[in-house]
Amino acid sequence: MTNEPNSPDAHLGGDVTGPQVITGPQVRAVPPVGQAWRRRAQWAVRGVGPPTTAIAVPGSDDAVSQRHARAVIDLALRVGEAMLSTGASASEVVATVLRLTGAYGIRTAHVDITFTSIAVSIHRGLDEDPLAVMRVIRVRTRDYTRLQNLQLLVDEIAHPAPGEDAPDPEEARVRLASILSAPHPYRRWVVSGGNALLAIGVVVLFGAGPMMWLIAGVTTIVVDQTQRWLARSGIADFFNQAVSAAIPTAVAVLIFWMRDQGWELPGVSSPSLVVVAGIILLLAGLTVMGAAQDAIDGYYVTAGARALEMVVLTTGLAVGVACVLGLAWRLGVPMEISPFIATGGMPVQSTIGAAAIGAGFAWGTYTRFRATLLAAAVAAGSWVVYELIYPLGLGAGGSVVVPAACVGAVAYAAHRRMRVPELAIVMAGIVPLLPGLAVYRSLFLLMDNTVLLPAAAAELVTALSIGLGLAGGVWIGQYAARRRFGLDLAAQRARARARGAPR
């Protein structure tokens, strides 16, 4: 009998049915039948190769010089800090930092991110000391033009043009400094105008008239300037939210008082919309989205911190609104703000409002003009898809998954083809779908009467489900677009390393 080298019989010495096997002049004893079948079973189930993902294999550390390692880790850490400060998600920062270190020949870098810090470490074998550096995130803003420039710098380092070498770490550090110190694309008053446009889009989405557009826009500009002044004065975010929320509530109180005195403003049928337009800008809708996205990507510490931030900021809103309403009731102003406000019901007007929201958000985050126009179109398209999906009865969270997936796919394709900031398009496209109204309803139901606590909790759960639906939909759309349009191998490996997945 001839035995195949990889078969179990090859390890047994031949045919197990006879008492012995004769191969030439030698005679070998054959093991019992039970032992032979046990060996065959072991051969069938045992692994034959190394693990799919190697975990801390000794001898795989980078053999790089002290100077090179310090230069790379400093550059990577500053890039990661700048990305976190300008609005990038934790997974995107980790993937970008790993791409950067890999481009300079360091494959064993480790990146650790919490909500307020980022740490990068490099292991350099037994003969050299490891390097580990941490930086604290002190500034948080949304500056997508600067974020896009950071990503373009990393792309140029990871994939230099044909015939050119990647810039050395010292040169890249100089270019990083120029990106971080460059002036904004336009002045601050344009940002305030963008926020005002966002508020106008909100009231248009709810079917308001031109007078409400004016009131909402002016109120938002006052809120924006107040927030900026309070932030520069070092006021904590909790009190910043409380003061900012008190401003649109005070405007609504003034409208109610004027109506009580017989002075009716034309076109102002629901003063509650003033509160909605002002507060939705301040609500933690984006924080809900960020927390859900980090949780899906596996960054649970950062997701928990974002969720706690959402609770703190929303509580600040409640304090500001409650103080103004309490003062109004004590002064005898007949005011009642209803939490149940429906959208306008006109598809064309709602789509225009969604486009204005997307354009205003892009303007308010220093996005350049071409990307702003694209953001408006994507926001309008996402709202149209939402209007088509909503009648299917998929629930609040399920109804936003498909439009969010469309936004994620279009944003990635636009980033690859037009070199526009992907995150700006994503966020502008989903702003009309954010759970701002659900959080608003939960807030007012909670303040109105403790008996309505279950209803307030239900609205809060709705807000969380919308945030999860948006985050999941965007992830699915971006993943599908990467599979369709292709992604460079280095970026694939960096994302796999960031998720801890097999490469």
Protein backbone atom coordinates (compact mmCIF):
# COMPACT_ATOMS: atom_id res chain seq x y z
CA MET A 1 0.00 0.00 0.00
CA THR A 2 1.35 3.40 -0.90
CA ASN A 3 0.82 6.16 1.67
CA GLU A 4 0.34 9.84 0.79
CA PRO A 5 2.69 12.08 2.79
CA ASN A 6 -0.14 14.28 4.16
CA SER A 7 -2.59 11.51 5.01
CA PRO A 8 -3.05 10.12 8.52
CA ASP A 9 -1.92 6.67 7.34
CA ALA A 10 1.46 8.14 6.49
CA HIS A 11 2.03 8.63 10.19
CA LEU A 12 0.83 5.14 11.07
CA GLY A 13 3.25 3.18 8.93
CA GLY A 14 0.89 1.60 6.35
CA ASP A 15 -2.21 -0.61 6.23
CA VAL A 16 -3.75 -1.08 9.67
CA THR A 17 -5.83 -4.12 8.69
CA GLY A 18 -2.99 -6.61 8.78
CA PRO A 19 -0.80 -7.57 11.67
CA GLN A 20 2.35 -6.04 10.18
CA VAL A 21 3.66 -4.12 7.21
CA ILE A 22 6.55 -5.38 5.23
CA THR A 23 8.60 -2.78 3.41
CA GLY A 24 11.61 -4.46 2.02
CA PRO A 25 13.62 -6.34 4.62
CA GLN A 26 12.15 -4.39 7.59
CA VAL A 27 9.08 -5.35 9.60
CA ARG A 28 7.29 -2.70 11.69
CA ALA A 29 4.56 -3.27 14.22
CA VAL A 30 1.26 -1.59 13.52
CA PRO A 31 -0.49 0.24 16.43
CA PRO A 32 -3.89 -1.02 17.57
CA VAL A 33 -6.91 -0.04 15.53
CA GLY A 34 -8.34 2.28 18.26
CA GLN A 35 -5.11 4.23 18.50
CA ALA A 36 -4.95 4.56 14.73
CA TRP A 37 -8.45 6.04 14.53
CA ARG A 38 -7.60 8.41 17.39
CA ARG A 39 -4.61 9.68 15.46
CA ARG A 40 -6.72 10.13 12.37
CA ALA A 41 -9.28 12.15 14.35
CA GLN A 42 -6.52 14.33 15.80
CA TRP A 43 -5.11 14.92 12.33
CA ALA A 44 -8.58 16.01 11.10
CA VAL A 45 -9.21 18.63 13.79
CA ARG A 46 -5.79 19.98 14.75
CA GLY A 47 -4.56 23.19 13.25
CA VAL A 48 -1.67 22.96 10.82
CA GLY A 49 -0.50 26.58 10.64
CA PRO A 50 0.21 29.60 12.81
CA PRO A 51 -2.68 31.73 14.14
CA THR A 52 -4.41 34.03 11.71
CA THR A 53 -3.50 37.09 13.79
CA ALA A 54 -0.14 37.13 15.51
CA ILE A 55 -0.27 38.57 19.03
CA ALA A 56 2.92 40.13 20.42
CA VAL A 57 5.28 37.70 18.67
CA PRO A 58 8.80 38.13 20.12
CA GLY A 59 11.37 39.29 17.63
CA SER A 60 8.92 41.27 15.48
CA ASP A 61 9.80 44.68 16.92
CA ASP A 62 11.17 47.46 14.73
CA ALA A 63 14.93 47.85 14.61
CA VAL A 64 15.09 51.60 14.07
CA SER A 65 17.41 54.22 15.46
CA GLN A 66 16.56 56.32 18.48
CA ARG A 67 16.53 59.54 16.49
CA HIS A 68 14.30 58.18 13.71
CA ALA A 69 11.87 56.63 16.19
CA ARG A 70 11.59 59.87 18.16
CA ALA A 71 11.01 61.94 15.03
CA VAL A 72 8.30 59.60 13.73
CA ILE A 73 6.50 59.20 17.03
CA ASP A 74 6.47 62.96 17.59
CA LEU A 75 5.06 63.60 14.11
CA ALA A 76 2.44 60.86 14.45
CA LEU A 77 1.36 62.05 17.87
CA ARG A 78 0.91 65.65 16.73
CA VAL A 79 -1.05 64.57 13.66
CA GLY A 80 -3.33 62.42 15.82
CA GLU A 81 -3.85 65.22 18.34
CA ALA A 82 -4.70 67.70 15.57
CA MET A 83 -7.18 65.27 13.99
CA LEU A 84 -8.96 64.64 17.29
CA SER A 85 -9.08 68.37 17.97
CA THR A 86 -10.64 69.13 14.58
CA GLY A 87 -13.44 66.56 14.76
CA ALA A 88 -12.15 63.18 13.51
CA SER A 89 -13.46 59.96 15.02
CA ALA A 90 -11.26 57.70 17.15
CA SER A 91 -11.06 54.94 14.53
CA GLU A 92 -10.09 57.38 11.77
CA VAL A 93 -7.33 58.86 13.93
CA VAL A 94 -5.90 55.45 14.80
CA ALA A 95 -5.95 54.32 11.17
CA THR A 96 -4.26 57.52 9.99
CA VAL A 97 -1.55 57.40 12.66
CA LEU A 98 -0.77 53.77 11.82
CA ARG A 99 -0.55 54.63 8.12
CA LEU A 100 1.88 57.41 8.96
CA THR A 101 4.16 55.28 11.12
CA GLY A 102 4.03 52.43 8.60
CA ALA A 103 5.16 54.79 5.83
CA TYR A 104 8.35 55.47 7.80
CA GLY A 105 9.09 51.77 8.34
CA ILE A 106 7.60 51.34 11.81
CA ARG A 107 5.12 48.46 11.86
CA THR A 108 4.76 47.86 15.60
CA ALA A 109 3.33 51.21 16.69
CA HIS A 110 0.47 51.14 19.19
CA VAL A 111 -2.09 53.92 19.48
CA ASP A 112 -4.31 54.41 22.52
CA ILE A 113 -7.09 57.01 22.52
CA THR A 114 -9.35 58.18 25.27
CA PHE A 115 -11.73 61.09 25.07
CA THR A 116 -9.13 63.56 26.36
CA SER A 117 -5.75 62.05 25.41
CA ILE A 118 -3.83 60.15 22.76
CA ALA A 119 -0.75 57.97 23.34
CA VAL A 120 1.63 56.41 20.78
CA SER A 121 4.24 53.79 21.68
CA ILE A 122 6.92 51.99 19.67
CA HIS A 123 8.71 48.77 20.66
CA ARG A 124 12.28 48.48 19.37
CA GLY A 125 13.39 45.02 20.50
CA LEU A 126 15.35 43.79 23.51
CA ASP A 127 18.44 45.92 22.95
CA GLU A 128 16.66 49.31 22.72
CA ASP A 129 14.32 51.06 25.11
CA PRO A 130 10.68 51.40 23.95
CA LEU A 131 9.24 54.84 23.31
CA ALA A 132 5.84 55.99 24.57
CA VAL A 133 4.50 59.55 24.40
CA MET A 134 1.09 60.96 25.35
CA ARG A 135 -0.61 64.26 24.64
CA VAL A 136 -3.76 65.71 26.17
CA ILE A 137 -6.53 66.97 23.88
CA ARG A 138 -7.17 70.52 25.09
CA VAL A 139 -9.09 71.95 22.12
CA ARG A 140 -12.19 70.55 20.45
CA THR A 141 -13.64 72.21 17.41
CA ARG A 142 -15.00 71.33 13.97
CA ASP A 143 -12.57 72.53 11.33
CA TYR A 144 -12.92 70.21 8.36
CA THR A 145 -10.67 72.16 6.00
CA ARG A 146 -7.76 71.77 8.39
CA LEU A 147 -8.67 68.11 8.92
CA GLN A 148 -8.66 67.53 5.17
CA ASN A 149 -5.23 69.14 4.84
CA LEU A 150 -3.91 66.83 7.56
CA GLN A 151 -5.25 63.78 5.74
CA LEU A 152 -3.74 64.97 2.45
CA LEU A 153 -0.35 65.35 4.15
CA VAL A 154 -0.52 61.78 5.44
CA ASP A 155 -1.60 60.54 2.00
CA GLU A 156 1.39 62.25 0.41
CA ILE A 157 3.72 60.68 2.97
CA ALA A 158 2.23 57.20 2.62
CA HIS A 159 1.96 57.35 -1.19
CA PRO A 160 4.43 59.81 -2.73
CA ALA A 161 4.14 60.74 -6.39
CA PRO A 162 5.95 58.49 -8.90
CA GLY A 163 9.64 59.34 -8.99
CA GLU A 164 9.53 61.21 -5.68
CA ASP A 165 10.41 60.19 -2.16
CA ALA A 166 8.26 60.76 0.88
CA PRO A 167 9.29 63.82 2.90
CA ASP A 168 11.49 63.00 5.88
CA PRO A 169 9.96 63.44 9.35
CA GLU A 170 11.58 66.83 9.90
CA GLU A 171 10.23 68.24 6.64
CA ALA A 172 6.81 66.73 7.34
CA ARG A 173 6.82 68.36 10.76
CA VAL A 174 7.46 71.78 9.20
CA ARG A 175 4.57 71.25 6.80
CA LEU A 176 2.37 70.12 9.66
CA ALA A 177 3.14 73.33 11.51
CA SER A 178 2.19 75.39 8.44
CA ILE A 179 -1.15 73.52 8.16
CA LEU A 180 -2.02 74.06 11.80
CA SER A 181 -1.05 77.75 11.77
CA ALA A 182 -2.67 78.64 8.42
CA PRO A 183 -5.60 81.08 8.55
CA HIS A 184 -9.16 79.84 8.07
CA PRO A 185 -10.64 79.92 4.56
CA TYR A 186 -12.89 82.85 5.55
CA ARG A 187 -13.66 85.16 8.44
CA ARG A 188 -15.63 84.46 11.56
CA TRP A 189 -18.72 86.35 10.44
CA VAL A 190 -19.10 83.85 7.59
CA VAL A 191 -19.19 81.06 10.18
CA SER A 192 -21.90 82.91 12.10
CA GLY A 193 -23.80 83.30 8.83
CA GLY A 194 -23.49 79.56 8.23
CA ASN A 195 -24.96 78.80 11.65
CA ALA A 196 -27.78 81.24 10.94
CA LEU A 197 -28.45 79.46 7.65
CA LEU A 198 -28.59 76.17 9.53
CA ALA A 199 -31.22 77.60 11.91
CA ILE A 200 -33.21 78.98 8.99
CA GLY A 201 -33.12 75.56 7.38
CA VAL A 202 -34.50 74.04 10.60
CA VAL A 203 -37.52 76.35 10.70
CA VAL A 204 -38.07 75.84 6.96
CA LEU A 205 -38.03 72.10 7.62
CA PHE A 206 -40.84 72.65 10.14
CA GLY A 207 -42.90 74.71 7.70
CA ALA A 208 -42.29 78.23 9.09
CA GLY A 209 -42.64 81.46 7.12
CA PRO A 210 -40.16 84.25 6.24
CA MET A 211 -40.65 86.18 9.51
CA MET A 212 -39.60 83.08 11.45
CA TRP A 213 -36.58 82.75 9.18
CA LEU A 214 -35.48 86.23 10.17
CA ILE A 215 -36.07 85.69 13.88
CA ALA A 216 -34.31 82.34 13.88
CA GLY A 217 -31.33 83.68 11.94
CA VAL A 218 -30.81 86.74 14.15
CA THR A 219 -31.25 84.69 17.33
CA THR A 220 -28.70 82.16 16.16
CA ILE A 221 -26.14 84.85 15.40
CA VAL A 222 -26.56 86.19 18.94
CA VAL A 223 -26.20 82.66 20.33
CA ASP A 224 -23.09 82.01 18.23
CA GLN A 225 -21.36 85.21 19.32
CA THR A 226 -22.31 84.58 22.96
CA GLN A 227 -20.89 81.07 22.83
CA ARG A 228 -17.67 82.35 21.32
CA TRP A 229 -17.30 85.04 23.98
CA LEU A 230 -18.03 82.62 26.82
CA ALA A 231 -15.54 80.07 25.46
CA ARG A 232 -12.81 82.69 25.19
CA SER A 233 -13.57 83.75 28.76
CA GLY A 234 -12.94 80.23 30.00
CA ILE A 235 -16.54 79.44 30.97
CA ALA A 236 -17.26 75.72 31.33
CA ASP A 237 -19.29 74.09 28.58
CA PHE A 238 -22.14 73.32 30.99
CA PHE A 239 -22.74 77.01 31.77
CA ASN A 240 -22.05 77.94 28.14
CA GLN A 241 -24.88 75.65 27.09
CA ALA A 242 -27.19 77.01 29.80
CA VAL A 243 -26.65 80.65 28.82
CA SER A 244 -26.90 79.88 25.11
CA ALA A 245 -30.16 77.95 25.57
CA ALA A 246 -31.62 80.80 27.60
CA ILE A 247 -31.29 83.21 24.65
CA PRO A 248 -33.80 81.62 22.20
CA THR A 249 -36.10 80.82 25.11
CA ALA A 250 -36.06 84.49 26.12
CA VAL A 251 -36.89 85.46 22.53
CA ALA A 252 -39.89 83.11 22.62
CA VAL A 253 -40.98 84.62 25.96
CA LEU A 254 -40.77 88.08 24.40
CA ILE A 255 -42.96 86.99 21.47
CA PHE A 256 -45.54 85.56 23.88
CA TRP A 257 -45.50 88.77 25.93
CA MET A 258 -45.96 90.90 22.79
CA ARG A 259 -48.88 88.70 21.75
CA ASP A 260 -50.41 89.12 25.21
CA GLN A 261 -50.12 92.89 24.80
CA GLY A 262 -51.90 92.77 21.46
CA TRP A 263 -48.82 93.12 19.25
CA GLU A 264 -49.04 90.21 16.82
CA LEU A 265 -46.04 89.52 14.62
CA PRO A 266 -47.13 88.54 11.09
CA GLY A 267 -46.13 85.03 10.09
CA VAL A 268 -45.22 83.93 13.63
CA SER A 269 -47.81 81.29 14.39
CA SER A 270 -45.69 79.08 16.68
CA PRO A 271 -43.16 80.84 18.92
CA SER A 272 -42.04 77.37 20.01
CA LEU A 273 -40.15 77.15 16.71
CA VAL A 274 -37.84 79.91 17.94
CA VAL A 275 -36.82 77.66 20.80
CA VAL A 276 -36.46 74.67 18.49
CA ALA A 277 -34.32 76.55 15.96
CA GLY A 278 -32.02 77.86 18.67
CA ILE A 279 -31.76 74.74 20.79
CA ILE A 280 -31.28 72.16 18.02
CA LEU A 281 -27.99 73.93 17.26
CA LEU A 282 -26.93 73.34 20.86
CA LEU A 283 -28.32 69.87 21.38
CA ALA A 284 -26.03 66.94 21.67
CA GLY A 285 -27.23 65.34 18.44
CA LEU A 286 -23.73 65.27 16.99
CA THR A 287 -22.46 63.90 20.30
CA VAL A 288 -25.01 61.07 20.10
CA MET A 289 -23.76 60.30 16.61
CA GLY A 290 -20.12 60.42 17.70
CA ALA A 291 -20.75 58.18 20.70
CA ALA A 292 -22.58 55.63 18.56
CA GLN A 293 -19.85 55.66 15.92
CA ASP A 294 -17.07 55.07 18.46
CA ALA A 295 -19.09 52.27 20.07
CA ILE A 296 -19.57 50.53 16.70
CA ASP A 297 -15.84 50.85 15.97
CA GLY A 298 -15.00 49.28 19.35
CA TYR A 299 -13.74 52.35 21.20
CA TYR A 300 -15.97 51.92 24.21
CA VAL A 301 -14.08 54.22 26.59
CA THR A 302 -14.33 57.11 24.16
CA ALA A 303 -17.96 56.23 23.39
CA GLY A 304 -18.80 56.27 27.10
CA ALA A 305 -17.09 59.63 27.54
CA ARG A 306 -19.01 61.10 24.61
CA ALA A 307 -22.26 59.77 26.07
CA LEU A 308 -21.47 61.41 29.41
CA GLU A 309 -20.71 64.66 27.58
CA MET A 310 -24.11 64.40 25.90
CA VAL A 311 -25.78 64.08 29.31
CA VAL A 312 -23.88 67.07 30.72
CA LEU A 313 -24.55 69.33 27.74
CA THR A 314 -28.22 68.38 27.59
CA THR A 315 -28.56 69.05 31.31
CA GLY A 316 -27.07 72.48 30.70
CA LEU A 317 -29.76 73.11 28.10
CA ALA A 318 -32.44 72.04 30.56
CA VAL A 319 -31.11 74.40 33.22
CA GLY A 320 -31.03 77.38 30.84
CA VAL A 321 -34.50 76.77 29.46
CA ALA A 322 -36.01 76.03 32.87
CA CYS A 323 -34.61 79.22 34.41
CA VAL A 324 -36.11 81.43 31.69
CA LEU A 325 -39.46 79.64 31.72
CA GLY A 326 -39.64 79.82 35.53
CA LEU A 327 -38.93 83.53 35.46
CA ALA A 328 -41.56 84.07 32.75
CA TRP A 329 -44.23 82.21 34.71
CA ARG A 330 -43.35 84.14 37.88
CA LEU A 331 -43.74 87.42 35.96
CA GLY A 332 -47.13 86.30 34.68
CA VAL A 333 -46.25 85.84 31.01
CA PRO A 334 -48.82 83.37 29.56
CA MET A 335 -46.36 81.08 27.83
CA GLU A 336 -46.55 77.42 26.92
CA ILE A 337 -43.99 75.77 24.66
CA SER A 338 -45.20 72.54 23.13
CA PRO A 339 -42.70 69.74 22.60
CA PHE A 340 -44.83 68.18 19.85
CA ILE A 341 -43.88 69.94 16.64
CA ALA A 342 -44.19 68.18 13.31
CA THR A 343 -42.35 68.85 10.08
CA GLY A 344 -43.93 71.08 7.50
CA GLY A 345 -45.36 68.29 5.35
CA MET A 346 -44.37 69.97 2.06
CA PRO A 347 -41.75 67.76 0.35
CA VAL A 348 -40.23 70.57 -1.74
CA GLN A 349 -40.01 73.00 1.18
CA SER A 350 -38.59 70.30 3.46
CA THR A 351 -35.96 69.36 0.88
CA ILE A 352 -34.93 73.01 0.52
CA GLY A 353 -34.72 73.25 4.30
CA ALA A 354 -32.50 70.16 4.44
CA ALA A 355 -30.22 71.63 1.77
CA ALA A 356 -29.95 74.85 3.77
CA ILE A 357 -29.10 72.85 6.90
CA GLY A 358 -26.33 70.99 5.08
CA ALA A 359 -24.88 74.15 3.54
CA GLY A 360 -25.06 76.01 6.84
CA PHE A 361 -23.32 73.22 8.71
CA ALA A 362 -20.55 73.07 6.10
CA TRP A 363 -20.06 76.82 6.26
CA GLY A 364 -20.02 76.72 10.05
CA THR A 365 -17.19 74.17 10.00
CA TYR A 366 -14.89 76.10 7.62
CA THR A 367 -15.63 73.89 4.64
CA ARG A 368 -14.64 75.41 1.31
CA PHE A 369 -17.17 76.60 -1.26
CA ARG A 370 -17.13 73.60 -3.64
CA ALA A 371 -17.49 71.15 -0.79
CA THR A 372 -20.26 73.31 0.72
CA LEU A 373 -22.31 73.05 -2.48
CA LEU A 374 -21.80 69.31 -2.50
CA ALA A 375 -22.80 69.11 1.17
CA ALA A 376 -26.05 70.93 0.43
CA ALA A 377 -26.85 68.51 -2.40
CA VAL A 378 -26.04 65.46 -0.26
CA ALA A 379 -28.17 66.77 2.63
CA ALA A 380 -31.11 67.34 0.30
CA GLY A 381 -30.68 63.88 -1.20
CA SER A 382 -30.52 62.21 2.19
CA TRP A 383 -33.78 63.92 3.17
CA VAL A 384 -35.48 62.76 -0.03
CA VAL A 385 -34.38 59.17 0.67
CA TYR A 386 -35.64 59.52 4.24
CA GLU A 387 -39.03 60.75 3.02
CA LEU A 388 -39.27 57.67 0.79
CA ILE A 389 -38.19 55.23 3.51
CA TYR A 390 -40.18 56.62 6.43
CA PRO A 391 -43.66 55.44 5.24
CA LEU A 392 -42.41 51.83 5.32
CA GLY A 393 -42.75 51.86 9.11
CA LEU A 394 -39.19 50.82 9.98
CA GLY A 395 -39.15 52.88 13.15
CA ALA A 396 -37.17 55.99 14.04
CA GLY A 397 -33.79 54.24 14.03
CA GLY A 398 -34.43 51.98 11.05
CA SER A 399 -35.69 54.80 8.83
CA VAL A 400 -32.34 56.63 8.90
CA VAL A 401 -30.09 53.67 8.10
CA VAL A 402 -30.61 53.73 4.31
CA PRO A 403 -30.20 57.52 3.87
CA ALA A 404 -27.15 57.44 6.15
CA ALA A 405 -25.65 54.62 4.07
CA CYS A 406 -26.20 56.67 0.92
CA VAL A 407 -24.48 59.64 2.55
CA GLY A 408 -21.50 57.50 3.61
CA ALA A 409 -21.05 56.05 0.13
CA VAL A 410 -21.37 59.40 -1.66
CA ALA A 411 -19.02 61.10 0.82
CA TYR A 412 -16.29 58.53 0.29
CA ALA A 413 -16.67 58.59 -3.50
CA ALA A 414 -16.51 62.40 -3.48
CA HIS A 415 -13.42 62.28 -1.29
CA ARG A 416 -11.66 59.94 -3.72
CA ARG A 417 -12.76 61.70 -6.90
CA MET A 418 -12.95 65.37 -5.90
CA ARG A 419 -10.56 65.48 -2.92
CA VAL A 420 -13.15 67.09 -0.65
CA PRO A 421 -13.23 66.42 3.12
CA GLU A 422 -15.12 63.17 3.62
CA LEU A 423 -16.16 63.90 7.20
CA ALA A 424 -17.60 67.30 6.23
CA ILE A 425 -19.83 65.71 3.60
CA VAL A 426 -20.89 62.93 5.97
CA MET A 427 -21.82 65.21 8.83
CA ALA A 428 -23.53 67.81 6.64
CA GLY A 429 -25.52 65.06 4.93
CA ILE A 430 -26.89 63.60 8.16
CA VAL A 431 -27.49 66.82 10.12
CA PRO A 432 -31.13 67.02 8.93
CA LEU A 433 -31.61 63.47 10.28
CA LEU A 434 -29.97 63.99 13.66
CA PRO A 435 -32.13 63.28 16.74
CA GLY A 436 -32.29 66.91 17.82
CA LEU A 437 -36.09 67.01 17.96
CA ALA A 438 -36.23 63.76 19.96
CA VAL A 439 -33.82 65.14 22.56
CA TYR A 440 -35.81 68.40 22.57
CA ARG A 441 -39.04 66.52 23.26
CA SER A 442 -37.44 64.46 25.99
CA LEU A 443 -36.10 67.62 27.60
CA PHE A 444 -39.46 69.39 27.73
CA LEU A 445 -41.42 66.33 28.78
CA LEU A 446 -39.01 65.88 31.65
CA MET A 447 -39.36 69.51 32.74
CA ASP A 448 -43.11 69.65 32.34
CA ASN A 449 -44.20 67.01 34.83
CA THR A 450 -42.61 64.09 36.61
CA VAL A 451 -45.63 61.99 35.62
CA LEU A 452 -44.36 62.21 32.03
CA LEU A 453 -41.03 60.60 32.93
CA PRO A 454 -41.78 57.38 30.93
CA ALA A 455 -42.62 59.47 27.88
CA ALA A 456 -39.40 61.46 28.31
CA ALA A 457 -37.42 58.22 28.62
CA ALA A 458 -39.07 56.89 25.47
CA GLU A 459 -38.04 60.00 23.52
CA LEU A 460 -34.48 59.64 24.82
CA VAL A 461 -34.40 56.02 23.67
CA THR A 462 -35.64 57.20 20.29
CA ALA A 463 -32.76 59.68 20.12
CA LEU A 464 -30.25 56.94 20.94
CA SER A 465 -31.73 54.60 18.32
CA ILE A 466 -31.50 57.34 15.69
CA GLY A 467 -27.87 57.97 16.61
CA LEU A 468 -27.05 54.26 16.32
CA GLY A 469 -28.93 54.02 13.02
CA LEU A 470 -27.03 56.96 11.57
CA ALA A 471 -23.65 55.67 12.72
CA GLY A 472 -24.36 52.17 11.46
CA GLY A 473 -25.69 53.41 8.14
CA VAL A 474 -22.69 55.67 7.52
CA TRP A 475 -20.31 52.81 8.33
CA ILE A 476 -22.09 50.47 5.92
CA GLY A 477 -22.09 53.07 3.15
CA GLN A 478 -18.40 53.88 3.57
CA TYR A 479 -17.47 50.21 3.66
CA ALA A 480 -19.47 49.47 0.50
CA ALA A 481 -17.89 52.44 -1.27
CA ARG A 482 -14.40 51.32 -0.32
CA ARG A 483 -15.12 47.88 -1.74
CA ARG A 484 -16.49 49.44 -4.92
CA PHE A 485 -13.93 52.17 -5.58
CA GLY A 486 -10.97 50.41 -4.00
CA LEU A 487 -8.71 51.47 -1.20
CA ASP A 488 -4.93 51.41 -1.18
CA LEU A 489 -3.33 48.45 0.58
CA ALA A 490 -1.64 50.56 3.23
CA ALA A 491 -4.94 52.11 4.25
CA GLN A 492 -6.56 48.67 4.40
CA ARG A 493 -3.82 47.38 6.66
CA ALA A 494 -3.98 50.47 8.86
CA ARG A 495 -7.72 50.08 9.33
CA ALA A 496 -7.30 46.38 10.05
CA ARG A 497 -4.65 47.15 12.64
CA ALA A 498 -6.90 49.76 14.16
CA ARG A 499 -9.71 47.21 14.56
CA GLY A 500 -7.39 44.39 15.57
CA ALA A 501 -8.61 42.36 12.58
CA PRO A 502 -6.58 39.84 10.51
CA ARG A 503 -4.56 41.35 7.70
